[in-house]
Amino acid sequence: YCYYVAGVVGEMLTELFCDYSEEIDQNRDELMKLSVSFGQALQMTNILKDIWEDHHRGACWLPRDVFNKFNVDITSKTPGGRSEGFKKGLSELVGVAHAHLDNALRYSLILPPHEKGLRRFCLWALGMAVLTLCKINKNPWFTEGSQVKISRRSVKATILFSNLGVSHNGVLKLLYNIAGRNLPVFDISEKNVKAADSL
């Protein structure tokens, strides 16, 4: 699901970036590998934020196998419960999304520093996603997306700091690491990518 909804968009944008710039095109293979992960990061963040709104519509995009490991039947889960198993499953998915965001940062830093517009486009989405994951991780018992939605102030800060550091890879890495310092990390290597792919 994530691939068709967001991974394809990441690939398409990468093709556009490469067609736009010969310099970017020199890194096409690496960017294409990371583009799907970038898209998955953003889509997973939205899925996690919107769990309960989707639930009210009768939809569930969460992978059952992740929650089954913790004895949670995700199809019958309702907002407001305080199941430790649900918290563990949610934490694992936050970790998977975080690992994909790591790849999104790598993608953004491959873009030439002088391509400030393209970098900003990527960094704003990346910054808002990492802050959203932090809110979800801090409040796993949220009952609606508005409880983990980032504030306007956070959006403005993301834009400001992204713009200030847009050409400086070291600064951007530092800002990203500070923002995501309390997030779980999950290995998304080939053998462990099934949780993300089942979304």
C-alpha atoms as a PDB file:
ATOM      1  CA  TYR A   1       0.000   0.000   0.000  1.00  0.00           C
ATOM      2  CA  CYS A   2       2.698   2.513   0.997  1.00  0.00           C
ATOM      3  CA  TYR A   3       4.610   1.814  -2.196  1.00  0.00           C
ATOM      4  CA  TYR A   4       1.652   2.464  -4.492  1.00  0.00           C
ATOM      5  CA  VAL A   5       0.466   5.516  -2.581  1.00  0.00           C
ATOM      6  CA  ALA A   6       3.792   7.161  -1.764  1.00  0.00           C
ATOM      7  CA  GLY A   7       6.730   5.161  -3.111  1.00  0.00           C
ATOM      8  CA  VAL A   8       5.650   5.743  -6.701  1.00  0.00           C
ATOM      9  CA  VAL A   9       5.428   9.483  -5.991  1.00  0.00           C
ATOM     10  CA  GLY A  10       8.976   9.415  -4.614  1.00  0.00           C
ATOM     11  CA  GLU A  11      10.199   7.693  -7.760  1.00  0.00           C
ATOM     12  CA  MET A  12       8.339  10.145  -9.990  1.00  0.00           C
ATOM     13  CA  LEU A  13       9.759  13.181  -8.174  1.00  0.00           C
ATOM     14  CA  THR A  14      13.235  11.689  -8.411  1.00  0.00           C
ATOM     15  CA  GLU A  15      12.803  11.265 -12.163  1.00  0.00           C
ATOM     16  CA  LEU A  16      11.742  14.922 -12.401  1.00  0.00           C
ATOM     17  CA  PHE A  17      14.697  16.075 -10.289  1.00  0.00           C
ATOM     18  CA  CYS A  18      17.101  14.049 -12.452  1.00  0.00           C
ATOM     19  CA  ASP A  19      15.580  15.368 -15.684  1.00  0.00           C
ATOM     20  CA  TYR A  20      15.892  18.904 -14.320  1.00  0.00           C
ATOM     21  CA  SER A  21      19.569  18.672 -13.344  1.00  0.00           C
ATOM     22  CA  GLU A  22      22.466  16.741 -14.853  1.00  0.00           C
ATOM     23  CA  GLU A  23      24.270  17.088 -11.529  1.00  0.00           C
ATOM     24  CA  ILE A  24      21.411  15.389  -9.685  1.00  0.00           C
ATOM     25  CA  ASP A  25      21.157  12.784 -12.444  1.00  0.00           C
ATOM     26  CA  GLN A  26      24.705  11.643 -11.612  1.00  0.00           C
ATOM     27  CA  ASN A  27      23.253  10.218  -8.372  1.00  0.00           C
ATOM     28  CA  ARG A  28      20.104   8.767  -9.958  1.00  0.00           C
ATOM     29  CA  ASP A  29      20.685   5.167  -8.833  1.00  0.00           C
ATOM     30  CA  GLU A  30      21.235   6.085  -5.182  1.00  0.00           C
ATOM     31  CA  LEU A  31      18.335   8.558  -5.182  1.00  0.00           C
ATOM     32  CA  MET A  32      15.990   6.002  -6.748  1.00  0.00           C
ATOM     33  CA  LYS A  33      16.875   3.463  -4.033  1.00  0.00           C
ATOM     34  CA  LEU A  34      16.114   6.014  -1.323  1.00  0.00           C
ATOM     35  CA  SER A  35      13.053   7.588  -2.974  1.00  0.00           C
ATOM     36  CA  VAL A  36      10.698   4.727  -2.113  1.00  0.00           C
ATOM     37  CA  SER A  37      11.848   4.803   1.504  1.00  0.00           C
ATOM     38  CA  PHE A  38      11.266   8.576   1.610  1.00  0.00           C
ATOM     39  CA  GLY A  39       7.713   8.108   0.372  1.00  0.00           C
ATOM     40  CA  GLN A  40       7.093   5.259   2.813  1.00  0.00           C
ATOM     41  CA  ALA A  41       8.301   7.412   5.705  1.00  0.00           C
ATOM     42  CA  LEU A  42       5.790  10.139   4.952  1.00  0.00           C
ATOM     43  CA  GLN A  43       2.929   7.725   4.280  1.00  0.00           C
ATOM     44  CA  MET A  44       3.603   5.677   7.423  1.00  0.00           C
ATOM     45  CA  THR A  45       3.663   8.867   9.491  1.00  0.00           C
ATOM     46  CA  ASN A  46       0.247   9.837   8.135  1.00  0.00           C
ATOM     47  CA  ILE A  47      -1.139   6.335   8.685  1.00  0.00           C
ATOM     48  CA  LEU A  48       0.047   6.330  12.306  1.00  0.00           C
ATOM     49  CA  LYS A  49      -1.311   9.833  12.955  1.00  0.00           C
ATOM     50  CA  ASP A  50      -4.685   8.948  11.421  1.00  0.00           C
ATOM     51  CA  ILE A  51      -5.181   5.502  13.020  1.00  0.00           C
ATOM     52  CA  TRP A  52      -8.394   6.408  14.800  1.00  0.00           C
ATOM     53  CA  GLU A  53      -9.930   8.537  12.040  1.00  0.00           C
ATOM     54  CA  ASP A  54      -9.389   5.580   9.692  1.00  0.00           C
ATOM     55  CA  HIS A  55     -10.839   3.254  12.351  1.00  0.00           C
ATOM     56  CA  HIS A  56     -14.038   5.342  12.502  1.00  0.00           C
ATOM     57  CA  ARG A  57     -14.335   4.977   8.713  1.00  0.00           C
ATOM     58  CA  GLY A  58     -13.922   1.210   9.000  1.00  0.00           C
ATOM     59  CA  ALA A  59     -10.379   1.158   7.602  1.00  0.00           C
ATOM     60  CA  CYS A  60      -7.203  -0.157   9.196  1.00  0.00           C
ATOM     61  CA  TRP A  61      -3.840   0.161   7.435  1.00  0.00           C
ATOM     62  CA  LEU A  62      -1.805  -1.230  10.333  1.00  0.00           C
ATOM     63  CA  PRO A  63      -0.043  -4.576   9.765  1.00  0.00           C
ATOM     64  CA  ARG A  64      -1.726  -7.295  11.813  1.00  0.00           C
ATOM     65  CA  ASP A  65       1.455  -9.355  12.117  1.00  0.00           C
ATOM     66  CA  VAL A  66       3.210  -6.586  14.077  1.00  0.00           C
ATOM     67  CA  PHE A  67       0.389  -6.402  16.613  1.00  0.00           C
ATOM     68  CA  ASN A  68      -0.192 -10.170  16.690  1.00  0.00           C
ATOM     69  CA  LYS A  69       3.354 -10.519  18.106  1.00  0.00           C
ATOM     70  CA  PHE A  70       2.099  -8.573  21.118  1.00  0.00           C
ATOM     71  CA  ASN A  71      -1.240 -10.436  21.378  1.00  0.00           C
ATOM     72  CA  VAL A  72      -3.268  -7.515  20.039  1.00  0.00           C
ATOM     73  CA  ASP A  73      -6.134  -8.013  17.599  1.00  0.00           C
ATOM     74  CA  ILE A  74      -5.825  -4.716  15.787  1.00  0.00           C
ATOM     75  CA  THR A  75      -9.182  -5.182  14.030  1.00  0.00           C
ATOM     76  CA  SER A  76     -11.044  -4.961  17.344  1.00  0.00           C
ATOM     77  CA  LYS A  77      -8.866  -2.269  18.963  1.00  0.00           C
ATOM     78  CA  THR A  78     -10.644   0.945  19.894  1.00  0.00           C
ATOM     79  CA  PRO A  79      -9.337   4.376  20.918  1.00  0.00           C
ATOM     80  CA  GLY A  80      -8.712   4.974  24.584  1.00  0.00           C
ATOM     81  CA  GLY A  81      -7.484   1.532  25.590  1.00  0.00           C
ATOM     82  CA  ARG A  82      -4.151   1.306  27.352  1.00  0.00           C
ATOM     83  CA  SER A  83      -2.860  -2.007  26.076  1.00  0.00           C
ATOM     84  CA  GLU A  84       0.890  -2.453  26.527  1.00  0.00           C
ATOM     85  CA  GLY A  85       0.865  -4.735  23.490  1.00  0.00           C
ATOM     86  CA  PHE A  86      -0.647  -1.983  21.365  1.00  0.00           C
ATOM     87  CA  LYS A  87       1.948   0.470  22.675  1.00  0.00           C
ATOM     88  CA  LYS A  88       4.760  -1.952  21.731  1.00  0.00           C
ATOM     89  CA  GLY A  89       3.345  -2.508  18.244  1.00  0.00           C
ATOM     90  CA  LEU A  90       2.920   1.218  17.709  1.00  0.00           C
ATOM     91  CA  SER A  91       6.470   1.812  18.936  1.00  0.00           C
ATOM     92  CA  GLU A  92       7.798  -0.716  16.430  1.00  0.00           C
ATOM     93  CA  LEU A  93       5.980   1.031  13.588  1.00  0.00           C
ATOM     94  CA  VAL A  94       7.252   4.427  14.752  1.00  0.00           C
ATOM     95  CA  GLY A  95      10.742   2.883  14.658  1.00  0.00           C
ATOM     96  CA  VAL A  96      10.194   1.629  11.107  1.00  0.00           C
ATOM     97  CA  ALA A  97       8.958   5.062   9.996  1.00  0.00           C
ATOM     98  CA  HIS A  98      11.948   6.659  11.748  1.00  0.00           C
ATOM     99  CA  ALA A  99      14.348   4.371   9.878  1.00  0.00           C
ATOM    100  CA  HIS A 100      12.691   5.383   6.613  1.00  0.00           C
ATOM    101  CA  LEU A 101      13.086   9.037   7.628  1.00  0.00           C
ATOM    102  CA  ASP A 102      16.813   8.363   8.095  1.00  0.00           C
ATOM    103  CA  ASN A 103      16.825   7.358   4.424  1.00  0.00           C
ATOM    104  CA  ALA A 104      14.811  10.462   3.555  1.00  0.00           C
ATOM    105  CA  LEU A 105      17.524  12.592   5.156  1.00  0.00           C
ATOM    106  CA  ARG A 106      20.196  10.731   3.179  1.00  0.00           C
ATOM    107  CA  TYR A 107      18.165  11.413   0.029  1.00  0.00           C
ATOM    108  CA  SER A 108      17.873  15.124   0.840  1.00  0.00           C
ATOM    109  CA  LEU A 109      21.587  15.475   1.545  1.00  0.00           C
ATOM    110  CA  ILE A 110      22.512  13.885  -1.796  1.00  0.00           C
ATOM    111  CA  LEU A 111      20.780  16.767  -3.565  1.00  0.00           C
ATOM    112  CA  PRO A 112      23.377  19.473  -4.328  1.00  0.00           C
ATOM    113  CA  PRO A 113      23.560  22.164  -1.608  1.00  0.00           C
ATOM    114  CA  HIS A 114      22.969  24.914  -4.172  1.00  0.00           C
ATOM    115  CA  GLU A 115      19.600  23.337  -5.120  1.00  0.00           C
ATOM    116  CA  LYS A 116      17.959  25.091  -2.183  1.00  0.00           C
ATOM    117  CA  GLY A 117      14.398  24.887  -3.508  1.00  0.00           C
ATOM    118  CA  LEU A 118      14.505  21.120  -3.973  1.00  0.00           C
ATOM    119  CA  ARG A 119      16.183  20.633  -0.622  1.00  0.00           C
ATOM    120  CA  ARG A 120      13.604  22.809   1.147  1.00  0.00           C
ATOM    121  CA  PHE A 121      10.799  20.837  -0.486  1.00  0.00           C
ATOM    122  CA  CYS A 122      12.227  17.615   0.964  1.00  0.00           C
ATOM    123  CA  LEU A 123      13.385  19.000   4.308  1.00  0.00           C
ATOM    124  CA  TRP A 124      10.083  20.615   5.243  1.00  0.00           C
ATOM    125  CA  ALA A 125       8.203  17.333   4.791  1.00  0.00           C
ATOM    126  CA  LEU A 126      10.957  15.408   6.580  1.00  0.00           C
ATOM    127  CA  GLY A 127      11.045  17.824   9.524  1.00  0.00           C
ATOM    128  CA  MET A 128       7.291  17.816  10.022  1.00  0.00           C
ATOM    129  CA  ALA A 129       7.210  14.018   9.827  1.00  0.00           C
ATOM    130  CA  VAL A 130       9.916  13.540  12.471  1.00  0.00           C
ATOM    131  CA  LEU A 131       8.109  15.939  14.831  1.00  0.00           C
ATOM    132  CA  THR A 132       4.815  14.097  14.261  1.00  0.00           C
ATOM    133  CA  LEU A 133       6.474  10.759  15.059  1.00  0.00           C
ATOM    134  CA  CYS A 134       7.850  12.300  18.263  1.00  0.00           C
ATOM    135  CA  LYS A 135       4.341  13.314  19.308  1.00  0.00           C
ATOM    136  CA  ILE A 136       2.971   9.834  18.536  1.00  0.00           C
ATOM    137  CA  ASN A 137       5.829   8.186  20.426  1.00  0.00           C
ATOM    138  CA  LYS A 138       5.317  10.461  23.432  1.00  0.00           C
ATOM    139  CA  ASN A 139       1.538   9.930  23.493  1.00  0.00           C
ATOM    140  CA  PRO A 140       0.791   6.368  22.289  1.00  0.00           C
ATOM    141  CA  TRP A 141      -2.630   6.513  23.931  1.00  0.00           C
ATOM    142  CA  PHE A 142      -3.870   9.322  21.657  1.00  0.00           C
ATOM    143  CA  THR A 143      -7.477   8.910  20.548  1.00  0.00           C
ATOM    144  CA  GLU A 144      -7.548  11.266  17.556  1.00  0.00           C
ATOM    145  CA  GLY A 145      -5.033  12.676  15.117  1.00  0.00           C
ATOM    146  CA  SER A 146      -5.395  16.232  16.391  1.00  0.00           C
ATOM    147  CA  GLN A 147      -3.717  15.128  19.656  1.00  0.00           C
ATOM    148  CA  VAL A 148      -0.501  14.284  17.796  1.00  0.00           C
ATOM    149  CA  LYS A 149      -0.683  16.936  15.100  1.00  0.00           C
ATOM    150  CA  ILE A 150       2.242  19.346  15.252  1.00  0.00           C
ATOM    151  CA  SER A 151       1.482  22.953  16.121  1.00  0.00           C
ATOM    152  CA  ARG A 152       1.731  25.924  13.765  1.00  0.00           C
ATOM    153  CA  ARG A 153       4.679  27.045  15.823  1.00  0.00           C
ATOM    154  CA  SER A 154       6.434  23.722  15.135  1.00  0.00           C
ATOM    155  CA  VAL A 155       5.683  24.061  11.424  1.00  0.00           C
ATOM    156  CA  LYS A 156       7.171  27.569  11.410  1.00  0.00           C
ATOM    157  CA  ALA A 157      10.238  26.371  13.340  1.00  0.00           C
ATOM    158  CA  THR A 158      10.707  23.479  10.894  1.00  0.00           C
ATOM    159  CA  ILE A 159      10.592  25.870   7.954  1.00  0.00           C
ATOM    160  CA  LEU A 160      12.905  28.387   9.650  1.00  0.00           C
ATOM    161  CA  PHE A 161      15.580  25.886  10.682  1.00  0.00           C
ATOM    162  CA  SER A 162      15.377  24.032   7.359  1.00  0.00           C
ATOM    163  CA  ASN A 163      15.852  27.297   5.502  1.00  0.00           C
ATOM    164  CA  LEU A 164      18.776  28.358   7.691  1.00  0.00           C
ATOM    165  CA  GLY A 165      20.581  25.037   7.314  1.00  0.00           C
ATOM    166  CA  VAL A 166      19.476  24.183   3.778  1.00  0.00           C
ATOM    167  CA  SER A 167      23.005  24.178   2.293  1.00  0.00           C
ATOM    168  CA  HIS A 168      24.837  22.768   5.306  1.00  0.00           C
ATOM    169  CA  ASN A 169      24.719  18.976   5.608  1.00  0.00           C
ATOM    170  CA  GLY A 170      26.331  18.920   9.056  1.00  0.00           C
ATOM    171  CA  VAL A 171      23.790  21.380  10.454  1.00  0.00           C
ATOM    172  CA  LEU A 172      20.896  19.453   8.916  1.00  0.00           C
ATOM    173  CA  LYS A 173      22.137  16.146  10.360  1.00  0.00           C
ATOM    174  CA  LEU A 174      22.486  17.753  13.791  1.00  0.00           C
ATOM    175  CA  LEU A 175      18.981  19.256  13.674  1.00  0.00           C
ATOM    176  CA  TYR A 176      17.495  15.941  12.535  1.00  0.00           C
ATOM    177  CA  ASN A 177      19.308  13.967  15.242  1.00  0.00           C
ATOM    178  CA  ILE A 178      18.199  16.411  17.934  1.00  0.00           C
ATOM    179  CA  ALA A 179      14.577  16.325  16.742  1.00  0.00           C
ATOM    180  CA  GLY A 180      14.448  12.514  16.594  1.00  0.00           C
ATOM    181  CA  ARG A 181      16.672  11.699  19.564  1.00  0.00           C
ATOM    182  CA  ASN A 182      13.905   9.982  21.556  1.00  0.00           C
ATOM    183  CA  LEU A 183      12.464   7.939  18.707  1.00  0.00           C
ATOM    184  CA  PRO A 184      12.866   4.158  18.553  1.00  0.00           C
ATOM    185  CA  VAL A 185      14.996   2.785  15.739  1.00  0.00           C
ATOM    186  CA  PHE A 186      14.118  -0.307  13.738  1.00  0.00           C
ATOM    187  CA  ASP A 187      16.247  -2.240  11.264  1.00  0.00           C
ATOM    188  CA  ILE A 188      14.656  -1.957   7.818  1.00  0.00           C
ATOM    189  CA  SER A 189      17.152  -4.178   6.066  1.00  0.00           C
ATOM    190  CA  GLU A 190      15.743  -6.733   3.627  1.00  0.00           C
ATOM    191  CA  LYS A 191      14.969  -9.362   6.274  1.00  0.00           C
ATOM    192  CA  ASN A 192      13.075  -6.941   8.506  1.00  0.00           C
ATOM    193  CA  VAL A 193      11.225  -4.836   5.958  1.00  0.00           C
ATOM    194  CA  LYS A 194       8.034  -6.968   5.970  1.00  0.00           C
ATOM    195  CA  ALA A 195       6.334  -4.860   8.654  1.00  0.00           C
ATOM    196  CA  ALA A 196       6.705  -1.755   6.541  1.00  0.00           C
ATOM    197  CA  ASP A 197       5.788  -3.501   3.310  1.00  0.00           C
ATOM    198  CA  SER A 198       2.552  -4.847   4.752  1.00  0.00           C
ATOM    199  CA  LEU A 199       1.231  -1.328   5.322  1.00  0.00           C
END
